[in-house]
Amino acid sequence: MTDTDQSLPDAQLEVDASGLKCPLPILRAKKALAQIEGGQVLKVITTDTHAIKDFQAFARQTGNTLEAQLETETGAVHYLRRRAT
């Protein structure tokens, strides 16, 4: 998997939350989303086994768009598009 894959959005900011358990990956994502503008994309790398469902719920609750989620050998990669303010 690379960022040059056609199906993946270009991320303006990346957060590596590897090794962190819930709720820390979500908290890191929330903080990072506050640093980017509406419409921009955040890439979050996680190893928590619950992160897939956690990020789906986070997107529904916050109004941010979950553009893609990819499972990897060690966890998952999530792409969140910040909602327009």
C-alpha atoms as a PDB file:
ATOM      1  CA  MET A   1       0.000   0.000   0.000  1.00  0.00           C
ATOM      2  CA  THR A   2       1.277   3.427  -0.914  1.00  0.00           C
ATOM      3  CA  ASP A   3      -0.124   6.934  -0.920  1.00  0.00           C
ATOM      4  CA  THR A   4       0.086   6.872  -4.698  1.00  0.00           C
ATOM      5  CA  ASP A   5      -2.725   4.309  -4.943  1.00  0.00           C
ATOM      6  CA  GLN A   6      -5.419   5.822  -7.152  1.00  0.00           C
ATOM      7  CA  SER A   7      -8.236   5.003  -4.730  1.00  0.00           C
ATOM      8  CA  LEU A   8      -6.734   6.771  -1.714  1.00  0.00           C
ATOM      9  CA  PRO A   9      -7.135  10.481  -1.041  1.00  0.00           C
ATOM     10  CA  ASP A  10      -4.072  12.688  -0.609  1.00  0.00           C
ATOM     11  CA  ALA A  11      -3.607  13.433   3.083  1.00  0.00           C
ATOM     12  CA  GLN A  12      -2.525  16.885   4.212  1.00  0.00           C
ATOM     13  CA  LEU A  13      -1.566  15.596   7.676  1.00  0.00           C
ATOM     14  CA  GLU A  14      -0.578  12.187   9.057  1.00  0.00           C
ATOM     15  CA  VAL A  15      -0.808  10.876  12.614  1.00  0.00           C
ATOM     16  CA  ASP A  16       0.937   7.675  13.693  1.00  0.00           C
ATOM     17  CA  ALA A  17      -1.088   6.280  16.589  1.00  0.00           C
ATOM     18  CA  SER A  18       0.603   2.879  16.461  1.00  0.00           C
ATOM     19  CA  GLY A  19       0.784   1.170  19.832  1.00  0.00           C
ATOM     20  CA  LEU A  20      -1.973   3.311  21.327  1.00  0.00           C
ATOM     21  CA  LYS A  21      -5.213   1.832  22.632  1.00  0.00           C
ATOM     22  CA  CYS A  22      -8.672   3.386  22.570  1.00  0.00           C
ATOM     23  CA  PRO A  23      -9.457   6.193  23.138  1.00  0.00           C
ATOM     24  CA  LEU A  24      -6.002   7.622  22.382  1.00  0.00           C
ATOM     25  CA  PRO A  25      -6.035   7.144  18.568  1.00  0.00           C
ATOM     26  CA  ILE A  26      -9.375   8.961  18.390  1.00  0.00           C
ATOM     27  CA  LEU A  27      -8.132  11.752  20.643  1.00  0.00           C
ATOM     28  CA  ARG A  28      -5.010  12.175  18.501  1.00  0.00           C
ATOM     29  CA  ALA A  29      -7.175  12.280  15.370  1.00  0.00           C
ATOM     30  CA  LYS A  30      -9.512  14.851  16.904  1.00  0.00           C
ATOM     31  CA  LYS A  31      -6.559  17.090  17.805  1.00  0.00           C
ATOM     32  CA  ALA A  32      -5.045  16.720  14.324  1.00  0.00           C
ATOM     33  CA  LEU A  33      -8.352  17.475  12.585  1.00  0.00           C
ATOM     34  CA  ALA A  34      -8.422  20.796  14.436  1.00  0.00           C
ATOM     35  CA  GLN A  35      -5.111  21.679  12.753  1.00  0.00           C
ATOM     36  CA  ILE A  36      -6.331  21.247   9.169  1.00  0.00           C
ATOM     37  CA  GLU A  37      -8.939  23.124   7.159  1.00  0.00           C
ATOM     38  CA  GLY A  38     -12.396  21.908   6.158  1.00  0.00           C
ATOM     39  CA  GLY A  39     -12.204  19.558   3.185  1.00  0.00           C
ATOM     40  CA  GLN A  40      -8.625  18.490   3.906  1.00  0.00           C
ATOM     41  CA  VAL A  41      -7.726  14.878   4.694  1.00  0.00           C
ATOM     42  CA  LEU A  42      -6.089  13.342   7.748  1.00  0.00           C
ATOM     43  CA  LYS A  43      -4.348   9.965   7.575  1.00  0.00           C
ATOM     44  CA  VAL A  44      -4.227   7.996  10.845  1.00  0.00           C
ATOM     45  CA  ILE A  45      -2.162   4.827  11.331  1.00  0.00           C
ATOM     46  CA  THR A  46      -3.370   2.528  14.129  1.00  0.00           C
ATOM     47  CA  THR A  47      -2.605  -0.887  15.607  1.00  0.00           C
ATOM     48  CA  ASP A  48      -5.567  -1.113  18.010  1.00  0.00           C
ATOM     49  CA  THR A  49      -7.829  -4.005  16.960  1.00  0.00           C
ATOM     50  CA  HIS A  50     -10.934  -1.895  17.680  1.00  0.00           C
ATOM     51  CA  ALA A  51      -9.815   1.111  15.639  1.00  0.00           C
ATOM     52  CA  ILE A  52     -11.819   0.224  12.512  1.00  0.00           C
ATOM     53  CA  LYS A  53     -15.140   0.409  14.363  1.00  0.00           C
ATOM     54  CA  ASP A  54     -13.955   3.282  16.572  1.00  0.00           C
ATOM     55  CA  PHE A  55     -13.160   5.485  13.554  1.00  0.00           C
ATOM     56  CA  GLN A  56     -16.451   4.585  11.868  1.00  0.00           C
ATOM     57  CA  ALA A  57     -18.335   5.706  14.991  1.00  0.00           C
ATOM     58  CA  PHE A  58     -16.150   8.812  15.355  1.00  0.00           C
ATOM     59  CA  ALA A  59     -16.922   9.873  11.774  1.00  0.00           C
ATOM     60  CA  ARG A  60     -20.678   9.399  12.277  1.00  0.00           C
ATOM     61  CA  GLN A  61     -20.664  11.351  15.547  1.00  0.00           C
ATOM     62  CA  THR A  62     -18.535  14.266  14.348  1.00  0.00           C
ATOM     63  CA  GLY A  63     -19.742  14.718  10.777  1.00  0.00           C
ATOM     64  CA  ASN A  64     -16.265  14.148   9.336  1.00  0.00           C
ATOM     65  CA  THR A  65     -16.161  11.837   6.311  1.00  0.00           C
ATOM     66  CA  LEU A  66     -14.356   8.524   6.568  1.00  0.00           C
ATOM     67  CA  GLU A  67     -12.934   8.393   3.033  1.00  0.00           C
ATOM     68  CA  ALA A  68     -11.186   5.025   3.350  1.00  0.00           C
ATOM     69  CA  GLN A  69     -10.005   2.392   5.808  1.00  0.00           C
ATOM     70  CA  LEU A  70      -7.358  -0.161   4.942  1.00  0.00           C
ATOM     71  CA  GLU A  71      -6.462  -3.124   7.078  1.00  0.00           C
ATOM     72  CA  THR A  72      -2.726  -3.786   7.195  1.00  0.00           C
ATOM     73  CA  GLU A  73      -0.613  -6.612   8.615  1.00  0.00           C
ATOM     74  CA  THR A  74      -0.132  -4.643  11.823  1.00  0.00           C
ATOM     75  CA  GLY A  75      -3.384  -2.700  12.105  1.00  0.00           C
ATOM     76  CA  ALA A  76      -5.212  -0.208   9.910  1.00  0.00           C
ATOM     77  CA  VAL A  77      -4.923   3.104   8.098  1.00  0.00           C
ATOM     78  CA  HIS A  78      -7.832   5.556   8.208  1.00  0.00           C
ATOM     79  CA  TYR A  79      -8.479   8.562   5.967  1.00  0.00           C
ATOM     80  CA  LEU A  80     -10.748  11.236   7.440  1.00  0.00           C
ATOM     81  CA  ARG A  81     -11.900  14.306   5.539  1.00  0.00           C
ATOM     82  CA  ARG A  82     -12.566  17.216   7.869  1.00  0.00           C
ATOM     83  CA  ARG A  83     -16.074  18.542   7.603  1.00  0.00           C
ATOM     84  CA  ALA A  84     -16.517  22.052   6.285  1.00  0.00           C
ATOM     85  CA  THR A  85     -17.085  24.529   9.088  1.00  0.00           C
END
